N, C-alpha and C. Protein backbone atom coordinates (compact mmCIF):
# COMPACT_ATOMS: atom_id res chain seq x y z
N MET A 1 74.41 -84.28 14.87
CA MET A 1 75.42 -83.74 14.62
C MET A 1 77.33 -84.26 14.08
N SER A 2 77.64 -84.67 13.80
CA SER A 2 78.42 -85.07 13.24
C SER A 2 79.62 -84.63 13.71
N ALA A 3 80.92 -85.22 13.22
CA ALA A 3 81.65 -85.85 14.44
C ALA A 3 82.62 -84.85 14.84
N ASP A 4 82.70 -84.09 13.10
CA ASP A 4 83.30 -82.19 12.24
C ASP A 4 82.93 -81.58 12.78
N GLN A 5 81.96 -81.33 13.06
CA GLN A 5 81.45 -80.61 13.82
C GLN A 5 81.50 -79.76 14.97
N GLN A 6 82.03 -78.48 15.55
CA GLN A 6 82.43 -78.30 16.28
C GLN A 6 80.98 -77.42 17.24
N LEU A 7 81.16 -77.37 18.42
CA LEU A 7 80.30 -77.27 18.99
C LEU A 7 80.22 -74.69 19.36
N PRO A 8 79.63 -74.32 19.55
CA PRO A 8 79.80 -73.52 19.54
C PRO A 8 80.53 -73.84 21.17
N ASP A 9 81.43 -72.15 21.13
CA ASP A 9 81.76 -72.35 23.05
C ASP A 9 80.53 -71.76 23.49
N PRO A 10 81.08 -72.29 24.64
CA PRO A 10 79.66 -71.34 25.88
C PRO A 10 80.50 -70.12 26.19
N PRO A 11 78.96 -69.22 25.66
CA PRO A 11 79.05 -66.84 26.60
C PRO A 11 80.40 -67.70 28.08
N VAL A 12 80.61 -66.44 27.83
CA VAL A 12 82.23 -66.20 29.09
C VAL A 12 81.46 -64.55 29.77
N PRO A 13 80.87 -65.47 31.75
CA PRO A 13 80.52 -64.24 32.51
C PRO A 13 81.59 -63.08 32.67
N GLN A 14 80.69 -61.81 32.35
CA GLN A 14 81.37 -61.07 32.40
C GLN A 14 81.71 -60.92 34.13
N ASP A 15 80.64 -60.80 34.17
CA ASP A 15 80.40 -60.61 36.40
C ASP A 15 80.87 -61.49 37.11
N ILE A 16 82.18 -61.95 36.61
CA ILE A 16 82.96 -62.86 37.45
C ILE A 16 83.39 -62.32 38.82
N ASP A 17 83.42 -62.11 40.16
CA ASP A 17 83.50 -61.63 41.18
C ASP A 17 85.38 -62.63 41.06
N LYS A 18 86.43 -62.75 40.47
CA LYS A 18 87.40 -63.22 40.54
C LYS A 18 88.52 -63.16 41.97
N PRO A 19 88.26 -62.46 42.86
CA PRO A 19 88.41 -63.00 44.26
C PRO A 19 87.93 -63.95 44.28
N MET A 20 86.59 -63.93 44.84
CA MET A 20 85.87 -64.88 45.44
C MET A 20 85.96 -66.95 44.25
N ALA A 21 86.54 -66.34 42.77
CA ALA A 21 85.92 -67.66 42.34
C ALA A 21 87.96 -67.88 42.08
N LEU A 22 88.92 -68.08 42.34
CA LEU A 22 89.97 -67.78 43.22
C LEU A 22 90.21 -67.79 44.58
N HIS A 23 89.23 -68.15 45.70
CA HIS A 23 89.37 -68.06 47.08
C HIS A 23 90.43 -70.03 47.07
N GLY A 24 90.91 -69.52 47.86
CA GLY A 24 91.71 -71.19 47.72
C GLY A 24 92.71 -71.62 46.72
N PHE A 25 93.32 -70.87 45.93
CA PHE A 25 94.30 -71.36 45.13
C PHE A 25 95.06 -69.82 45.15
N PRO A 26 96.62 -69.94 46.61
CA PRO A 26 96.82 -69.36 46.20
C PRO A 26 98.83 -69.66 45.28
N LEU A 27 98.61 -68.00 45.02
CA LEU A 27 99.41 -67.84 44.10
C LEU A 27 100.70 -68.60 44.32
N CYS A 28 101.92 -69.33 43.82
CA CYS A 28 102.50 -69.70 44.34
C CYS A 28 104.01 -69.05 43.49
N SER A 29 105.27 -70.28 44.29
CA SER A 29 106.03 -69.27 43.91
C SER A 29 107.33 -69.51 42.06
N ASP A 30 105.82 -70.84 41.62
CA ASP A 30 106.27 -71.40 40.15
C ASP A 30 105.40 -69.93 39.39
N GLY A 31 104.72 -69.86 39.83
CA GLY A 31 103.78 -68.56 39.39
C GLY A 31 102.56 -69.20 38.47
N ARG A 32 102.59 -69.99 39.37
CA ARG A 32 101.14 -70.99 38.76
C ARG A 32 100.41 -70.24 40.20
N LEU A 33 98.71 -71.46 39.90
CA LEU A 33 97.62 -71.25 40.66
C LEU A 33 97.79 -72.91 41.97
N TYR A 34 97.81 -73.34 42.96
CA TYR A 34 97.09 -74.16 43.07
C TYR A 34 96.62 -74.04 44.34
N HIS A 35 95.62 -75.28 43.99
CA HIS A 35 94.26 -75.79 45.59
C HIS A 35 95.22 -76.71 46.85
N LEU A 36 95.17 -76.25 47.73
CA LEU A 36 95.96 -76.82 48.61
C LEU A 36 94.73 -78.81 48.98
N VAL A 37 93.95 -78.81 48.83
CA VAL A 37 93.58 -80.59 48.59
C VAL A 37 93.86 -80.83 47.83
N LEU A 38 93.59 -80.42 46.28
CA LEU A 38 93.72 -80.60 44.94
C LEU A 38 95.34 -81.45 44.30
N ALA A 39 95.49 -80.58 44.93
CA ALA A 39 97.42 -80.47 44.88
C ALA A 39 97.67 -81.82 45.88
N GLU A 40 97.01 -81.72 46.69
CA GLU A 40 97.76 -83.00 47.63
C GLU A 40 97.42 -83.99 47.44
N MET A 41 95.65 -84.69 46.86
CA MET A 41 95.45 -85.02 46.41
C MET A 41 95.82 -85.78 45.07
N ALA A 42 96.27 -84.54 44.18
CA ALA A 42 97.28 -85.15 43.26
C ALA A 42 98.68 -85.85 43.20
N LEU A 43 99.49 -85.51 44.14
CA LEU A 43 100.16 -85.57 45.28
C LEU A 43 99.92 -87.44 45.75
N ASP A 44 99.51 -87.49 46.12
CA ASP A 44 97.97 -88.44 46.91
C ASP A 44 98.93 -90.03 45.78
N GLU A 45 98.84 -89.56 44.55
CA GLU A 45 97.43 -90.71 43.61
C GLU A 45 99.33 -90.66 42.88
N VAL A 46 99.84 -89.42 42.91
CA VAL A 46 101.15 -89.55 42.67
C VAL A 46 101.84 -90.79 43.19
N GLY A 47 102.12 -90.52 44.07
CA GLY A 47 103.12 -91.06 45.31
C GLY A 47 102.75 -92.85 45.39
N ASP A 48 101.32 -93.16 44.35
CA ASP A 48 101.38 -94.61 44.40
C ASP A 48 100.67 -94.61 42.90
N GLY A 49 101.92 -93.88 41.78
CA GLY A 49 101.98 -94.56 40.38
C GLY A 49 100.69 -94.73 39.63
N HIS A 50 100.17 -94.66 40.27
CA HIS A 50 98.92 -93.33 39.37
C HIS A 50 99.27 -92.88 37.61
N VAL A 51 100.09 -92.26 37.36
CA VAL A 51 100.19 -90.98 36.78
C VAL A 51 101.50 -91.63 35.63
């Protein structure tokens, strides 16, 4: 496959249980979904100057 060719988009499952898929991602006051553990890890990295 050459570099100018794109792969087709993968199929999107229609039977996703959204409440289960979004478990652990609360909607915050800025309108975004955050995961508490991932957000903490990201803040730790920013604090270390890795961004």
